Structures are given as C-alpha cells and as structure tokens.
Protein backbone atom coordinates (compact mmCIF):
# COMPACT_ATOMS: atom_id res chain seq x y z
CA MET A 1 -1.24 22.96 -12.52
CA GLU A 2 1.44 20.74 -13.71
CA ARG A 3 2.00 20.54 -17.21
CA ILE A 4 1.37 17.05 -18.61
CA CYS A 5 2.28 18.13 -22.26
CA PRO A 6 5.75 19.29 -23.28
CA ALA A 7 6.11 22.81 -24.64
CA THR A 8 7.81 21.29 -27.62
CA LEU A 9 4.54 19.64 -28.54
CA CYS A 10 1.82 21.90 -26.95
CA GLY A 11 3.39 25.21 -26.97
CA SER A 12 3.71 27.52 -23.90
CA GLY A 13 1.31 30.41 -24.38
CA PRO A 14 -2.15 30.92 -23.09
CA GLY A 15 -4.74 28.28 -24.20
CA ASP A 16 -1.89 25.82 -25.11
CA GLY A 17 -0.83 22.54 -22.89
CA LEU A 18 -3.92 20.77 -21.17
CA GLY A 19 -6.38 22.84 -23.28
CA ALA A 20 -4.65 21.78 -26.51
CA LEU A 21 -4.84 18.20 -25.25
CA PHE A 22 -8.52 18.58 -24.39
CA GLY A 23 -8.99 19.83 -28.09
CA ASP A 24 -7.41 16.98 -29.57
CA ALA A 25 -9.52 14.69 -27.56
CA VAL A 26 -12.54 16.25 -28.69
CA GLY A 27 -11.40 15.97 -32.22
CA VAL A 28 -10.79 12.18 -31.64
CA ALA A 29 -14.06 11.63 -29.77
CA GLY A 30 -16.00 13.46 -32.89
CA ASN A 31 -14.18 11.20 -35.35
CA VAL A 32 -15.23 7.90 -33.37
CA ALA A 33 -18.95 9.18 -32.83
CA ASP A 34 -18.89 9.65 -36.76
CA ALA A 35 -17.29 6.30 -37.32
CA GLU A 36 -20.32 5.33 -39.45
CA GLY A 37 -20.58 8.48 -41.41
CA GLU A 38 -18.79 9.21 -44.78
CA GLY A 39 -16.87 12.19 -43.34
CA SER A 40 -14.94 9.85 -40.77
CA SER A 41 -11.49 9.07 -41.47
CA LEU A 42 -10.85 7.41 -37.92
CA VAL A 43 -12.17 4.48 -36.18
CA ALA A 44 -10.50 4.18 -32.91
CA ARG A 45 -11.22 1.81 -29.96
CA GLY A 46 -9.59 1.67 -26.65
CA THR A 47 -9.93 -1.09 -24.09
CA THR A 48 -11.77 -1.33 -20.65
CA TRP A 49 -9.97 -3.73 -18.13
CA ASP A 50 -13.16 -5.57 -17.52
CA GLU A 51 -14.22 -6.49 -20.81
CA ARG A 52 -11.30 -6.57 -23.06
CA ALA A 53 -12.47 -9.45 -25.24
CA ASP A 54 -15.65 -7.57 -26.09
CA ASP A 55 -13.93 -4.39 -26.84
CA PHE A 56 -11.63 -6.30 -29.41
CA GLU A 57 -14.67 -7.87 -30.95
CA GLU A 58 -16.69 -4.53 -31.13
CA PHE A 59 -13.64 -2.88 -32.79
CA SER A 60 -13.53 -5.76 -35.43
CA ALA A 61 -17.24 -5.27 -36.03
CA SER A 62 -16.76 -1.56 -36.68
CA ILE A 63 -14.39 -2.49 -39.78
CA ALA A 64 -16.33 -1.19 -42.65
CA PRO A 65 -16.07 -1.40 -46.38
CA GLY A 66 -13.92 1.25 -47.91
CA ARG A 67 -15.02 4.63 -48.40
CA ASP A 68 -13.65 7.57 -50.92
CA ARG A 69 -11.21 8.55 -48.51
CA PRO A 70 -8.44 6.21 -46.64
CA VAL A 71 -9.58 5.22 -43.34
CA LEU A 72 -7.51 4.63 -40.24
CA ASP A 73 -8.78 1.62 -38.08
CA TYR A 74 -6.74 1.80 -34.62
CA MET A 75 -7.04 -0.65 -31.56
CA HIS A 76 -5.19 -0.16 -28.48
CA SER A 77 -5.86 -3.81 -26.52
CA LEU A 78 -4.97 -4.39 -23.10
CA LEU A 79 -4.71 -8.04 -24.35
CA PRO A 80 -2.76 -10.23 -23.35
CA HIS A 81 -1.80 -7.99 -20.61
CA ASP A 82 -2.63 -8.76 -17.00
CA PRO A 83 -5.10 -9.42 -15.40
CA VAL A 84 -4.66 -13.00 -16.52
CA GLU A 85 -8.16 -14.20 -16.69
CA TYR A 86 -9.03 -15.36 -20.18
CA LEU A 87 -9.15 -19.03 -21.92
CA PRO A 88 -8.42 -19.20 -25.70
CA ASN A 89 -11.91 -19.11 -26.30
CA GLY A 90 -12.59 -16.03 -24.58
CA VAL A 91 -14.10 -17.56 -21.19
CA LYS A 92 -13.13 -15.87 -18.17
CA TYR A 93 -12.20 -17.76 -15.09
CA PRO A 94 -11.91 -16.76 -11.52
CA ALA A 95 -8.27 -16.27 -10.37
CA PRO A 96 -5.97 -13.84 -8.56
CA GLU A 97 -5.16 -10.74 -11.13
CA HIS A 98 -1.47 -11.58 -10.61
CA PRO A 99 -0.48 -15.27 -10.80
CA VAL A 100 0.34 -16.91 -7.50
CA GLY A 101 4.03 -17.09 -6.73
CA LEU A 102 4.74 -13.26 -7.18
CA PHE A 103 5.98 -11.17 -4.13
CA LEU A 104 6.54 -7.63 -4.94
CA LEU A 105 6.32 -8.44 -8.68
CA THR A 106 9.13 -10.88 -8.32
CA TRP A 107 8.87 -14.65 -8.85
CA THR A 108 9.48 -16.54 -5.47
CA ASP A 109 9.22 -20.08 -6.80
CA GLU A 110 9.80 -22.21 -10.07
CA HIS A 111 6.26 -23.73 -10.00
CA GLY A 112 4.56 -20.28 -9.64
CA ALA A 113 6.53 -18.92 -12.53
CA ALA A 114 5.65 -21.88 -14.90
CA ILE A 115 1.98 -21.37 -14.17
CA GLY A 116 2.27 -17.77 -14.71
CA ARG A 117 3.74 -18.45 -18.04
CA GLN A 118 0.92 -20.93 -18.89
CA ARG A 119 -1.84 -18.31 -17.93
CA HIS A 120 -0.09 -15.85 -20.18
CA LEU A 121 0.08 -18.22 -22.98
CA LEU A 122 -3.54 -19.00 -22.86
CA GLN A 123 -4.48 -15.31 -22.68
CA ALA A 124 -2.15 -14.81 -26.01
CA GLN A 125 -3.86 -17.55 -27.61
CA LEU A 126 -7.16 -15.39 -27.17
CA THR A 127 -5.48 -12.45 -28.39
CA ASP A 128 -4.26 -14.47 -31.56
CA ARG A 129 -7.76 -15.42 -32.23
CA LEU A 130 -9.29 -11.74 -31.73
CA LEU A 131 -6.71 -10.58 -34.31
CA GLY A 132 -7.55 -13.27 -36.67
CA GLU A 133 -11.36 -12.19 -36.39
CA ALA A 134 -10.21 -8.63 -37.15
CA LEU A 135 -8.14 -9.66 -40.33
CA ASP A 136 -11.16 -11.81 -41.48
CA ARG A 137 -13.41 -8.68 -41.06
CA LEU A 138 -11.10 -6.91 -43.28
CA GLU A 139 -11.32 -9.64 -46.02
CA ASP A 140 -15.03 -9.52 -45.81
CA ALA A 141 -15.11 -5.87 -46.09
CA GLY A 142 -12.93 -6.08 -49.28
CA ARG A 143 -10.15 -4.09 -47.75
CA PHE A 144 -7.53 -6.59 -46.59
CA ASP A 145 -5.63 -6.54 -50.02
CA ASN A 146 -5.10 -2.68 -50.14
CA THR A 147 -4.68 -2.07 -46.31
CA LEU A 148 -1.41 -1.51 -44.23
CA ILE A 149 -1.61 -3.74 -41.31
CA VAL A 150 0.79 -3.35 -38.23
CA VAL A 151 0.54 -5.02 -35.05
CA THR A 152 3.12 -4.58 -32.22
CA ALA A 153 3.35 -4.10 -28.38
CA ASP A 154 5.32 -2.08 -25.78
CA HIS A 155 6.85 -4.66 -23.57
CA GLY A 156 7.27 -8.41 -22.61
CA VAL A 157 7.02 -10.29 -19.44
CA GLY A 158 9.35 -12.37 -17.47
CA PHE A 159 8.66 -15.75 -16.17
CA THR A 160 12.25 -16.96 -14.46
CA ASN A 161 12.18 -17.86 -10.94
CA LEU A 162 13.62 -15.09 -8.48
CA GLU A 163 13.68 -12.52 -11.18
CA PRO A 164 11.01 -9.69 -11.75
CA TRP A 165 7.70 -10.25 -13.72
CA ARG A 166 7.88 -6.83 -15.29
CA GLY A 167 11.24 -5.33 -14.75
CA THR A 168 14.71 -6.31 -16.63
CA SER A 169 17.49 -7.87 -15.00
CA ALA A 170 20.61 -9.77 -16.44
CA ALA A 171 18.73 -13.18 -16.31
CA ASN A 172 15.32 -12.07 -17.99
CA TYR A 173 16.02 -9.12 -20.19
CA GLU A 174 15.23 -11.10 -23.38
CA GLN A 175 11.74 -11.88 -22.30
CA ILE A 176 11.00 -8.00 -21.47
CA MET A 177 12.74 -6.27 -24.45
CA TRP A 178 11.63 -8.01 -27.36
CA THR A 179 8.24 -7.48 -28.63
CA PRO A 180 6.23 -8.53 -31.94
CA LEU A 181 6.34 -6.28 -34.92
CA LEU A 182 3.96 -7.61 -37.77
CA ILE A 183 3.58 -5.48 -40.83
CA LYS A 184 1.61 -6.50 -43.98
CA GLU A 185 2.00 -3.95 -46.93
CA PRO A 186 -0.87 -3.21 -49.15
CA HIS A 187 -0.87 -5.55 -52.10
CA GLN A 188 1.52 -7.73 -50.39
CA GLU A 189 1.23 -11.50 -51.27
CA GLN A 190 4.26 -13.34 -49.70
CA GLY A 191 5.45 -13.02 -46.16
CA ARG A 192 9.09 -13.15 -44.92
CA ILE A 193 10.96 -13.04 -41.48
CA ASP A 194 13.35 -9.98 -40.99
CA ASP A 195 15.69 -10.38 -37.84
CA LYS A 196 17.12 -6.94 -38.37
CA ASN A 197 17.24 -4.88 -35.16
CA ALA A 198 13.91 -2.89 -34.98
CA TRP A 199 13.13 -0.32 -32.44
CA SER A 200 9.55 1.05 -31.57
CA VAL A 201 10.57 4.46 -32.96
CA ASP A 202 11.01 2.84 -36.45
CA VAL A 203 7.27 2.06 -36.68
CA LEU A 204 6.36 5.66 -37.67
CA PRO A 205 8.93 6.17 -40.40
CA THR A 206 8.28 2.68 -41.82
CA VAL A 207 4.67 3.42 -42.11
CA ALA A 208 5.16 6.72 -43.58
CA GLU A 209 7.66 5.33 -46.29
CA ILE A 210 5.07 2.46 -47.20
CA LEU A 211 2.35 4.96 -47.50
CA GLY A 212 4.22 7.49 -49.28
CA VAL A 213 3.56 10.04 -46.63
CA GLU A 214 6.27 12.92 -46.12
CA ILE A 215 7.31 13.49 -42.51
CA PRO A 216 7.16 17.18 -41.56
CA ALA A 217 10.72 18.66 -41.45
CA ASP A 218 10.32 19.93 -38.10
CA TRP A 219 9.35 16.54 -36.56
CA GLU A 220 12.35 15.12 -34.49
CA ILE A 221 12.58 11.60 -35.82
CA THR A 222 14.81 9.15 -34.10
CA GLY A 223 13.78 6.26 -35.73
CA HIS A 224 14.22 5.07 -39.47
CA SER A 225 12.38 3.06 -41.99
CA LEU A 226 12.70 -0.70 -41.88
CA ILE A 227 12.07 -1.40 -45.53
CA GLY A 228 14.34 -0.96 -48.60
CA ASP A 229 18.02 -0.46 -48.47
CA GLY A 230 18.10 2.32 -45.74
CA GLU A 231 19.97 2.60 -42.61
CA VAL A 232 20.75 -0.62 -40.70
CA ARG A 233 21.05 -0.42 -37.07
CA ASP A 234 23.82 -2.22 -35.09
CA PRO A 235 22.32 -5.70 -34.32
CA SER A 236 24.16 -5.79 -31.06
CA ASP A 237 22.40 -2.62 -29.57
CA LYS A 238 18.97 -3.21 -28.16
CA VAL A 239 17.74 -0.52 -25.79
CA LEU A 240 14.74 -0.05 -23.38
CA PHE A 241 13.55 3.10 -21.29
CA THR A 242 14.22 2.71 -17.76
CA GLN A 243 11.34 1.68 -15.48
CA LEU A 244 10.22 0.61 -12.02
CA GLY A 245 11.61 -2.73 -11.32
CA ASN A 246 14.69 -2.54 -13.41
CA SER A 247 17.87 -3.76 -12.24
CA LEU A 248 19.86 -3.33 -15.22
CA PRO A 249 21.91 0.09 -14.89
CA ALA A 250 20.86 2.82 -17.61
CA ALA A 251 23.70 4.42 -19.55
CA ALA A 252 24.29 8.09 -19.86
CA ASP A 253 21.56 8.64 -22.43
CA GLY A 254 19.21 7.36 -19.89
CA LEU A 255 18.48 4.01 -21.74
CA VAL A 256 19.29 0.48 -20.83
CA HIS A 257 21.47 -1.17 -23.33
CA VAL A 258 22.04 -4.96 -23.93
CA ASP A 259 23.67 -7.20 -26.30
CA GLY A 260 20.97 -7.78 -28.98
CA VAL A 261 22.67 -10.70 -30.67
CA GLU A 262 22.98 -12.63 -27.44
CA GLY A 263 19.63 -11.45 -26.22
CA PHE A 264 17.89 -12.69 -29.36
CA GLU A 265 19.49 -16.15 -29.17
CA ARG A 266 18.39 -16.45 -25.48
CA LEU A 267 15.00 -15.25 -26.64
CA LEU A 268 14.70 -18.19 -29.38
CA LYS A 269 15.96 -20.80 -26.70
CA TRP A 270 13.48 -19.51 -24.06
CA SER A 271 10.59 -19.43 -25.94
CA SER A 272 10.65 -22.73 -27.58
CA ALA A 273 7.11 -24.40 -27.54
CA PRO A 274 5.89 -26.90 -24.89
CA PRO A 275 6.43 -30.75 -26.04
CA GLY A 276 3.59 -32.08 -28.42
CA ASP A 277 1.74 -30.75 -31.25
CA ASP A 278 -1.83 -30.88 -29.91
CA ASP A 279 -4.16 -28.42 -28.01
CA LEU A 280 -2.75 -29.44 -24.59
CA ARG A 281 0.61 -28.48 -24.99
CA VAL A 282 0.16 -25.02 -23.54
CA TRP A 283 -0.90 -26.93 -20.24
CA ARG A 284 2.27 -28.78 -20.27
CA GLN A 285 4.33 -26.50 -18.02
CA GLY A 286 6.70 -27.06 -15.12
CA GLU A 287 8.57 -30.08 -13.94
CA TYR A 288 5.50 -32.62 -14.40
CA GLY A 289 4.18 -30.81 -17.61
CA ALA A 290 4.80 -33.90 -19.80
CA LEU A 291 2.05 -35.95 -17.68
CA VAL A 292 -0.70 -33.55 -18.91
CA GLY A 293 -2.90 -35.71 -21.56
CA THR A 294 -1.65 -39.05 -20.27
CA ARG A 295 -3.58 -41.84 -18.56
CA PRO A 296 -2.48 -43.22 -14.96
CA GLU A 297 -2.16 -46.79 -16.56
CA GLU A 298 0.53 -45.46 -18.89
CA HIS A 299 2.88 -44.95 -15.99
CA THR A 300 4.46 -46.91 -13.18
CA ILE A 301 2.61 -46.28 -10.04
CA GLY A 302 4.82 -45.83 -6.83
CA GLN A 303 4.25 -46.25 -3.33
CA PRO A 304 1.92 -43.85 -1.34
CA ALA A 305 3.97 -40.60 -0.62
CA GLY A 306 2.99 -40.84 3.14
CA PHE A 307 1.66 -37.14 3.50
CA ASP A 308 -1.55 -35.59 3.42
CA GLY A 309 -3.01 -32.64 1.45
CA TRP A 310 -6.13 -30.74 0.63
CA LEU A 311 -7.89 -29.15 -2.18
CA ALA A 312 -8.75 -25.41 -1.96
CA ASP A 313 -12.08 -24.14 -3.22
CA PRO A 314 -13.38 -27.63 -4.13
CA ASP A 315 -16.78 -26.21 -5.18
CA VAL A 316 -15.26 -24.76 -8.40
CA TYR A 317 -14.79 -28.15 -9.81
CA ASP A 318 -18.70 -28.79 -9.74
CA ASP A 319 -18.87 -26.69 -13.00
CA VAL A 320 -16.16 -28.89 -14.74
CA ASP A 321 -17.25 -31.56 -17.20
CA PRO A 322 -14.30 -33.91 -17.16
CA ASN A 323 -15.49 -35.45 -20.66
CA HIS A 324 -15.50 -32.03 -22.26
CA ASP A 325 -13.13 -31.35 -25.14
CA PRO A 326 -10.47 -28.79 -23.83
CA PRO A 327 -11.15 -25.31 -25.20
CA SER A 328 -9.14 -24.21 -28.24
CA THR A 329 -8.83 -21.11 -30.20
CA SER A 330 -11.90 -22.30 -32.69
CA THR A 331 -14.21 -22.94 -29.85
CA PRO A 332 -16.82 -20.47 -29.87
CA ARG A 333 -16.99 -18.29 -26.74
CA PRO A 334 -20.32 -18.54 -24.68
CA SER A 335 -22.70 -15.73 -24.38
CA GLY A 336 -24.67 -14.36 -21.58
CA PRO A 337 -24.27 -15.43 -17.72
CA SER A 338 -22.51 -18.71 -18.69
CA ARG A 339 -19.46 -16.96 -19.93
CA ASP A 340 -18.18 -16.66 -16.38
CA LEU A 341 -16.99 -20.02 -14.99
C-alpha cells in the first residue's frame, strides 16, 4: 500500500504510517463527539459540498461559553469555493456547477468571466455573513474579547478572459496568489491593516507567539511570526506551490515566484468595487453593468436591433417576484422546501 504520510511525520516502523493517521482521526472524532462535554478542548467542523451554508451555521451554533480550559473552535469551510450556487442570504439557485464561459477551466469570453466573477462575489457575501454570525456567537458566549481569531484561505480564483480560472498565468497571478489573512488578538481593541509580505506558513508561528506557546525544537518551521519586530520578508518575493493549470514556471525550489510589489498593486487595481454604493452594485458586471438598477425611460432608446433571440428556460422566471427587494446580507434565509428556487 502506498504511504500517504511522510516518514518524517508518521515514522517508518510497524504500526506507523496509515495506522497512525487513523489513530489521530479517532482522537479528533472523540473530541468532536464530546464537544458538549467538560473534557473537550476541540470543537471541529468540516463542510459537505451540498449543505455548506448549513454546516457553517451548525459550527456557529456549537460555539459555547468558556470552560475551565482553553477551547479550539475550528472550521474548514468550502465557501466561497465552487460550486457557485448561493445568493448572499443563503438561498440556492439552480445553475451549472462551473460558470458558463469556461472550457478546460479557462475563460473563453469576456462576458462569461464577468458573470463568473459576479456569481463568486455573491457567494463571498454569503461567506461574509456567516462569518459575522460566528463572531456574534462568540460575543453572545462571552468569549469574543479573550479569543484569538484567525481567518484565512488557501488560494484565490481568476476572472480574466482567455486565462485560467484556477491556475496562475502572467496575466492573472495577482487574483490567485493573494488570499485574506485576518487576525484578531485576545483583548485587541483597535484594528489595523498590515501590508507586509505574509505567507501561509507564517500563520502557525504567529499564533504560537500570540498565545505564548513554544514550538517544539524538532519541528521544521519555515515561516515566522508576523507580529513584533521580528523577521521581515522581502516584499518583492511572493510564492506559490506548483499546481495543475499553472503556466508560470517554477524555480529550482519547486515554487512559483513573482514580484510581490507589482502583483499587490495589480491586485488593488483589479479588485476595485463595482460602481455605486447600494446592494445592486455586485450585479453591475460586464460592459453594460451600469444599466442595472436604472429605468428604461432614463436612457435614449435606439432603433430595433434587427435580429431575433430566445429566452432559455423561461419557466424559472415563474418563481420571480419583480417587485421584491433584492436579497442582501441582512435578509434572513428561507427554511424548508422553499429554500431552493
């Protein structure tokens, strides 16, 4: 049987390897099963593809008042990851798993890329709302102030026409390689933005320093703490592990290296918000996005275009109320069978 755990972590003798991983899994499962008990120090939740929003809400509901010992609440969420199917209020809508306009995970037209970005932003708004619910739960449980909170992701997604959706290229790497890292320290009262060059491997040593935990000497740590006056990484060096779909070449160390300063400037320019400051701005994507939310009489109406078209799947519009307010992050999610439009 192929080993799925490195010998440096699981050993190489009898009973090591896969068996050790199973043992760890049993331990974690026991902690999760005992999440409501006094002996538990871990409340962990994963995510299923079909009920990702429900799983996140169940995680928030599992956050309980503090106990005599520190508690780790951990959530691995597959949001806002594809399949892209959620509105900001948690309602699912029927649509292809991957946005139309992709071929072999590469965008084939400008319109498809714009709509794909729009659908992603709608699902990201849901993720933002669910995260807010978890923070509210921490406050209700009396634990927000003395809790260390870390929110991060493993990769981004690209929406540049004729470029990959997931792989990095010279034209889209800033959309893939920069991910959010939000850290709230215990008893922190003021927030700040820090643009230093942070890597994913820096999260562990940063958490250890904040909590005053000593990392074992035999652990090979490649990252460093992001707080204090410690090591500052070269801002021009941003790296990514090679993966399927990358067209940027890897260096001798097996990593893709890009200019972090230039990439960050490109990211800020690319991620600028759609026009407007209302709930409809997320819908203003593409060449004619500025028309969203306006009335026909506000515009000069030209001559007929002179061609015919058709409306695909017109029956789905039977469930749409044109007089209903657009869904927002504050709109409660329907329950029961009416949830799926």
